Amino acid sequence: MLISSAFAQTTPAAGGDMQSSLLGMMPLILMFVVLYFVMIRPQMKKAKDHKAMIDSLAKGDEVVTSGGILGKVSQLGDGYLTLDVAKGVEVQLQRTAVVQVLPRGSIK
């Protein structure tokens, strides 16, 4: 009698299996929620604010571009604008290159 008797295992209830799979997915769901609030939502807000700033540009606004150029908006088009950077020097740029609108009188 060296071999002991083998007993068959019973299958778990169907409801218990569903509950354990949901608990197994909980860390993944929690990571997605944290990722949304830490990375995705602030990026979407920043993009929305930038689009609103670009849409509100007007002739005479003083702006800074992504390349660091300071200038005054002299002409506006649909996708482009013209900056007056010095007397007689105008640069044509895409509207999306503007990163900041300065208060009037900042550029001398």
N, C-alpha and C. Protein backbone atom coordinates (compact mmCIF):
# COMPACT_ATOMS: atom_id res chain seq x y z
N MET A 1 0.80 -1.18 0.00
CA MET A 1 0.00 0.00 0.00
C MET A 1 0.86 1.26 0.00
N LEU A 2 1.72 1.37 -0.95
CA LEU A 2 2.57 2.52 -1.09
C LEU A 2 1.91 3.63 -1.89
N ILE A 3 0.94 3.29 -2.67
CA ILE A 3 0.26 4.29 -3.50
C ILE A 3 -1.04 4.69 -2.81
N SER A 4 -1.21 5.99 -2.61
CA SER A 4 -2.42 6.47 -1.96
C SER A 4 -3.54 6.62 -2.98
N SER A 5 -4.73 6.72 -2.51
CA SER A 5 -5.89 6.86 -3.38
C SER A 5 -5.92 8.26 -4.00
N ALA A 6 -6.32 8.38 -5.26
CA ALA A 6 -6.44 9.66 -5.95
C ALA A 6 -7.90 10.10 -5.91
N PHE A 7 -8.10 11.37 -5.63
CA PHE A 7 -9.45 11.92 -5.59
C PHE A 7 -9.61 12.93 -6.72
N ALA A 8 -10.72 12.92 -7.38
CA ALA A 8 -11.00 13.84 -8.49
C ALA A 8 -11.32 15.23 -7.92
N GLN A 9 -10.81 16.22 -8.60
CA GLN A 9 -11.11 17.59 -8.18
C GLN A 9 -12.41 18.04 -8.82
N THR A 10 -13.14 18.82 -8.08
CA THR A 10 -14.40 19.33 -8.61
C THR A 10 -14.12 20.64 -9.34
N THR A 11 -14.92 20.96 -10.35
CA THR A 11 -14.76 22.22 -11.09
C THR A 11 -15.34 23.35 -10.28
N PRO A 12 -14.71 24.54 -10.31
CA PRO A 12 -15.24 25.67 -9.55
C PRO A 12 -16.56 26.15 -10.15
N ALA A 13 -17.31 26.85 -9.36
CA ALA A 13 -18.60 27.38 -9.82
C ALA A 13 -18.35 28.44 -10.90
N ALA A 14 -19.27 28.60 -11.83
CA ALA A 14 -19.11 29.52 -12.95
C ALA A 14 -19.00 30.97 -12.47
N GLY A 15 -19.72 31.36 -11.45
CA GLY A 15 -19.69 32.72 -10.93
C GLY A 15 -18.34 33.06 -10.31
N GLY A 16 -17.70 32.14 -9.68
CA GLY A 16 -16.41 32.37 -9.05
C GLY A 16 -15.32 32.63 -10.08
N ASP A 17 -15.39 31.98 -11.23
CA ASP A 17 -14.40 32.16 -12.29
C ASP A 17 -14.49 33.57 -12.88
N MET A 18 -15.70 34.07 -13.04
CA MET A 18 -15.92 35.42 -13.58
C MET A 18 -15.38 36.47 -12.62
N GLN A 19 -15.59 36.26 -11.35
CA GLN A 19 -15.14 37.21 -10.34
C GLN A 19 -13.62 37.25 -10.28
N SER A 20 -12.97 36.12 -10.37
CA SER A 20 -11.50 36.10 -10.31
C SER A 20 -10.88 36.73 -11.56
N SER A 21 -11.53 36.60 -12.71
CA SER A 21 -10.99 37.23 -13.92
C SER A 21 -11.12 38.75 -13.85
N LEU A 22 -12.21 39.25 -13.25
CA LEU A 22 -12.36 40.69 -13.07
C LEU A 22 -11.32 41.22 -12.09
N LEU A 23 -11.06 40.49 -11.04
CA LEU A 23 -10.04 40.91 -10.08
C LEU A 23 -8.65 40.86 -10.72
N GLY A 24 -8.44 39.94 -11.64
CA GLY A 24 -7.17 39.86 -12.34
C GLY A 24 -6.95 41.03 -13.30
N MET A 25 -8.04 41.56 -13.83
CA MET A 25 -7.94 42.69 -14.76
C MET A 25 -7.92 44.04 -14.04
N MET A 26 -8.21 44.05 -12.75
CA MET A 26 -8.29 45.29 -11.99
C MET A 26 -6.99 46.11 -12.04
N PRO A 27 -5.80 45.53 -11.88
CA PRO A 27 -4.57 46.35 -11.98
C PRO A 27 -4.42 47.00 -13.36
N LEU A 28 -4.79 46.30 -14.41
CA LEU A 28 -4.70 46.86 -15.76
C LEU A 28 -5.65 48.04 -15.92
N ILE A 29 -6.85 47.90 -15.43
CA ILE A 29 -7.83 48.99 -15.51
C ILE A 29 -7.37 50.17 -14.68
N LEU A 30 -6.85 49.90 -13.50
CA LEU A 30 -6.35 50.96 -12.63
C LEU A 30 -5.18 51.71 -13.27
N MET A 31 -4.28 50.99 -13.92
CA MET A 31 -3.15 51.64 -14.61
C MET A 31 -3.64 52.53 -15.74
N PHE A 32 -4.65 52.10 -16.49
CA PHE A 32 -5.18 52.92 -17.57
C PHE A 32 -5.81 54.20 -17.04
N VAL A 33 -6.54 54.10 -15.93
CA VAL A 33 -7.17 55.28 -15.33
C VAL A 33 -6.11 56.27 -14.87
N VAL A 34 -5.07 55.78 -14.21
CA VAL A 34 -3.98 56.66 -13.76
C VAL A 34 -3.27 57.29 -14.96
N LEU A 35 -3.01 56.51 -15.99
CA LEU A 35 -2.37 57.02 -17.20
C LEU A 35 -3.21 58.12 -17.84
N TYR A 36 -4.52 57.94 -17.87
CA TYR A 36 -5.40 58.94 -18.45
C TYR A 36 -5.29 60.26 -17.70
N PHE A 37 -5.39 60.21 -16.37
CA PHE A 37 -5.40 61.44 -15.58
C PHE A 37 -4.02 62.08 -15.45
N VAL A 38 -2.95 61.30 -15.57
CA VAL A 38 -1.60 61.85 -15.42
C VAL A 38 -1.03 62.33 -16.75
N MET A 39 -1.31 61.62 -17.84
CA MET A 39 -0.66 61.96 -19.11
C MET A 39 -1.61 62.43 -20.21
N ILE A 40 -2.65 61.71 -20.47
CA ILE A 40 -3.49 61.98 -21.63
C ILE A 40 -4.34 63.24 -21.44
N ARG A 41 -5.00 63.36 -20.31
CA ARG A 41 -5.90 64.51 -20.08
C ARG A 41 -5.15 65.84 -20.08
N PRO A 42 -4.01 65.98 -19.37
CA PRO A 42 -3.29 67.26 -19.42
C PRO A 42 -2.79 67.60 -20.83
N GLN A 43 -2.38 66.59 -21.59
CA GLN A 43 -1.91 66.84 -22.96
C GLN A 43 -3.05 67.33 -23.84
N MET A 44 -4.24 66.76 -23.66
CA MET A 44 -5.39 67.21 -24.45
C MET A 44 -5.78 68.63 -24.07
N LYS A 45 -5.70 68.98 -22.79
CA LYS A 45 -6.02 70.33 -22.35
C LYS A 45 -5.01 71.33 -22.91
N LYS A 46 -3.74 70.96 -22.91
CA LYS A 46 -2.70 71.84 -23.44
C LYS A 46 -2.92 72.07 -24.94
N ALA A 47 -3.24 71.03 -25.68
CA ALA A 47 -3.49 71.16 -27.12
C ALA A 47 -4.72 72.03 -27.39
N LYS A 48 -5.75 71.88 -26.56
CA LYS A 48 -6.97 72.68 -26.72
C LYS A 48 -6.68 74.16 -26.47
N ASP A 49 -5.89 74.46 -25.43
CA ASP A 49 -5.53 75.84 -25.12
C ASP A 49 -4.68 76.46 -26.23
N HIS A 50 -3.75 75.67 -26.80
CA HIS A 50 -2.90 76.16 -27.88
C HIS A 50 -3.73 76.47 -29.12
N LYS A 51 -4.68 75.61 -29.44
CA LYS A 51 -5.55 75.85 -30.60
C LYS A 51 -6.38 77.11 -30.40
N ALA A 52 -6.90 77.32 -29.18
CA ALA A 52 -7.68 78.52 -28.90
C ALA A 52 -6.81 79.77 -29.03
N MET A 53 -5.55 79.70 -28.59
CA MET A 53 -4.64 80.84 -28.70
C MET A 53 -4.35 81.15 -30.17
N ILE A 54 -4.11 80.12 -30.96
CA ILE A 54 -3.82 80.32 -32.39
C ILE A 54 -5.03 80.90 -33.12
N ASP A 55 -6.22 80.42 -32.78
CA ASP A 55 -7.43 80.93 -33.42
C ASP A 55 -7.73 82.38 -33.05
N SER A 56 -7.26 82.82 -31.88
CA SER A 56 -7.56 84.18 -31.43
C SER A 56 -6.48 85.19 -31.84
N LEU A 57 -5.49 84.78 -32.62
CA LEU A 57 -4.45 85.72 -33.06
C LEU A 57 -5.08 86.83 -33.91
N ALA A 58 -4.57 88.04 -33.71
CA ALA A 58 -5.07 89.18 -34.47
C ALA A 58 -3.88 90.01 -34.96
N LYS A 59 -4.14 90.83 -35.94
CA LYS A 59 -3.11 91.71 -36.47
C LYS A 59 -2.65 92.66 -35.36
N GLY A 60 -1.33 92.79 -35.19
CA GLY A 60 -0.76 93.66 -34.17
C GLY A 60 -0.35 92.93 -32.90
N ASP A 61 -0.72 91.65 -32.76
CA ASP A 61 -0.30 90.88 -31.59
C ASP A 61 1.20 90.64 -31.63
N GLU A 62 1.82 90.66 -30.47
CA GLU A 62 3.24 90.37 -30.35
C GLU A 62 3.38 88.93 -29.88
N VAL A 63 4.17 88.13 -30.62
CA VAL A 63 4.22 86.69 -30.37
C VAL A 63 5.66 86.20 -30.32
N VAL A 64 5.79 84.99 -29.75
CA VAL A 64 7.05 84.25 -29.75
C VAL A 64 6.79 82.95 -30.51
N THR A 65 7.73 82.59 -31.40
CA THR A 65 7.57 81.36 -32.18
C THR A 65 8.34 80.23 -31.52
N SER A 66 8.14 79.02 -32.04
CA SER A 66 8.83 77.86 -31.49
C SER A 66 10.33 77.93 -31.74
N GLY A 67 10.76 78.71 -32.70
CA GLY A 67 12.17 78.91 -32.96
C GLY A 67 12.78 80.03 -32.15
N GLY A 68 11.97 80.71 -31.35
CA GLY A 68 12.46 81.78 -30.50
C GLY A 68 12.43 83.15 -31.14
N ILE A 69 11.78 83.29 -32.28
CA ILE A 69 11.69 84.58 -32.96
C ILE A 69 10.58 85.41 -32.33
N LEU A 70 10.89 86.66 -32.01
CA LEU A 70 9.90 87.60 -31.49
C LEU A 70 9.46 88.49 -32.63
N GLY A 71 8.19 88.76 -32.71
CA GLY A 71 7.72 89.65 -33.77
C GLY A 71 6.28 90.06 -33.56
N LYS A 72 5.86 90.98 -34.42
CA LYS A 72 4.50 91.50 -34.39
C LYS A 72 3.78 90.98 -35.63
N VAL A 73 2.57 90.46 -35.44
CA VAL A 73 1.79 89.91 -36.54
C VAL A 73 1.37 91.05 -37.46
N SER A 74 1.75 90.94 -38.75
CA SER A 74 1.39 91.99 -39.70
C SER A 74 0.30 91.54 -40.67
N GLN A 75 0.24 90.23 -40.97
CA GLN A 75 -0.79 89.69 -41.86
C GLN A 75 -1.19 88.32 -41.35
N LEU A 76 -2.46 87.99 -41.54
CA LEU A 76 -2.98 86.69 -41.14
C LEU A 76 -3.60 85.99 -42.33
N GLY A 77 -3.32 84.71 -42.46
CA GLY A 77 -3.95 83.87 -43.48
C GLY A 77 -4.61 82.69 -42.79
N ASP A 78 -5.09 81.73 -43.58
CA ASP A 78 -5.74 80.56 -42.99
C ASP A 78 -4.75 79.72 -42.19
N GLY A 79 -3.64 79.36 -42.81
CA GLY A 79 -2.67 78.50 -42.13
C GLY A 79 -1.36 79.19 -41.85
N TYR A 80 -1.19 80.40 -42.37
CA TYR A 80 0.08 81.11 -42.24
C TYR A 80 -0.15 82.52 -41.70
N LEU A 81 0.93 83.09 -41.16
CA LEU A 81 0.91 84.47 -40.73
C LEU A 81 2.25 85.09 -41.06
N THR A 82 2.28 86.41 -41.15
CA THR A 82 3.50 87.14 -41.44
C THR A 82 3.88 87.94 -40.21
N LEU A 83 5.13 87.76 -39.78
CA LEU A 83 5.64 88.48 -38.62
C LEU A 83 6.57 89.59 -39.07
N ASP A 84 6.43 90.74 -38.47
CA ASP A 84 7.34 91.84 -38.68
C ASP A 84 8.37 91.75 -37.55
N VAL A 85 9.61 91.29 -37.88
CA VAL A 85 10.62 91.08 -36.85
C VAL A 85 11.55 92.27 -36.69
N ALA A 86 11.67 93.09 -37.71
CA ALA A 86 12.47 94.32 -37.67
C ALA A 86 11.95 95.23 -38.77
N LYS A 87 12.47 96.44 -38.83
CA LYS A 87 12.03 97.37 -39.88
C LYS A 87 12.40 96.80 -41.24
N GLY A 88 11.39 96.55 -42.06
CA GLY A 88 11.61 96.04 -43.40
C GLY A 88 11.88 94.55 -43.48
N VAL A 89 11.82 93.84 -42.35
CA VAL A 89 12.07 92.38 -42.34
C VAL A 89 10.79 91.67 -41.92
N GLU A 90 10.25 90.89 -42.84
CA GLU A 90 9.05 90.12 -42.54
C GLU A 90 9.34 88.65 -42.77
N VAL A 91 8.76 87.82 -41.91
CA VAL A 91 8.94 86.37 -41.98
C VAL A 91 7.56 85.74 -42.05
N GLN A 92 7.41 84.79 -42.97
CA GLN A 92 6.14 84.09 -43.07
C GLN A 92 6.27 82.75 -42.36
N LEU A 93 5.32 82.45 -41.47
CA LEU A 93 5.35 81.24 -40.65
C LEU A 93 4.00 80.55 -40.65
N GLN A 94 4.02 79.28 -40.27
CA GLN A 94 2.76 78.59 -40.02
C GLN A 94 2.20 79.08 -38.69
N ARG A 95 0.89 79.10 -38.59
CA ARG A 95 0.25 79.56 -37.36
C ARG A 95 0.64 78.69 -36.16
N THR A 96 0.83 77.39 -36.41
CA THR A 96 1.13 76.47 -35.31
C THR A 96 2.52 76.71 -34.72
N ALA A 97 3.36 77.50 -35.38
CA ALA A 97 4.70 77.79 -34.86
C ALA A 97 4.65 78.80 -33.71
N VAL A 98 3.54 79.48 -33.53
CA VAL A 98 3.41 80.44 -32.44
C VAL A 98 3.19 79.68 -31.15
N VAL A 99 4.04 79.97 -30.14
CA VAL A 99 3.91 79.28 -28.86
C VAL A 99 3.41 80.18 -27.74
N GLN A 100 3.53 81.50 -27.92
CA GLN A 100 3.10 82.40 -26.85
C GLN A 100 2.74 83.76 -27.43
N VAL A 101 1.69 84.34 -26.88
CA VAL A 101 1.32 85.72 -27.22
C VAL A 101 1.77 86.59 -26.06
N LEU A 102 2.56 87.61 -26.38
CA LEU A 102 3.10 88.51 -25.37
C LEU A 102 2.16 89.68 -25.13
N PRO A 103 2.26 90.31 -23.97
CA PRO A 103 1.47 91.52 -23.74
C PRO A 103 1.94 92.64 -24.69
N ARG A 104 1.04 93.50 -25.07
CA ARG A 104 1.38 94.59 -25.98
C ARG A 104 2.45 95.47 -25.37
N GLY A 105 3.41 95.89 -26.20
CA GLY A 105 4.50 96.73 -25.74
C GLY A 105 5.70 95.96 -25.23
N SER A 106 5.69 94.65 -25.33
CA SER A 106 6.82 93.84 -24.86
C SER A 106 8.02 93.97 -25.78
N ILE A 107 7.76 94.07 -27.07
CA ILE A 107 8.83 94.17 -28.06
C ILE A 107 9.07 95.65 -28.34
N LYS A 108 10.31 96.07 -28.22
CA LYS A 108 10.64 97.48 -28.45
C LYS A 108 11.35 97.64 -29.76
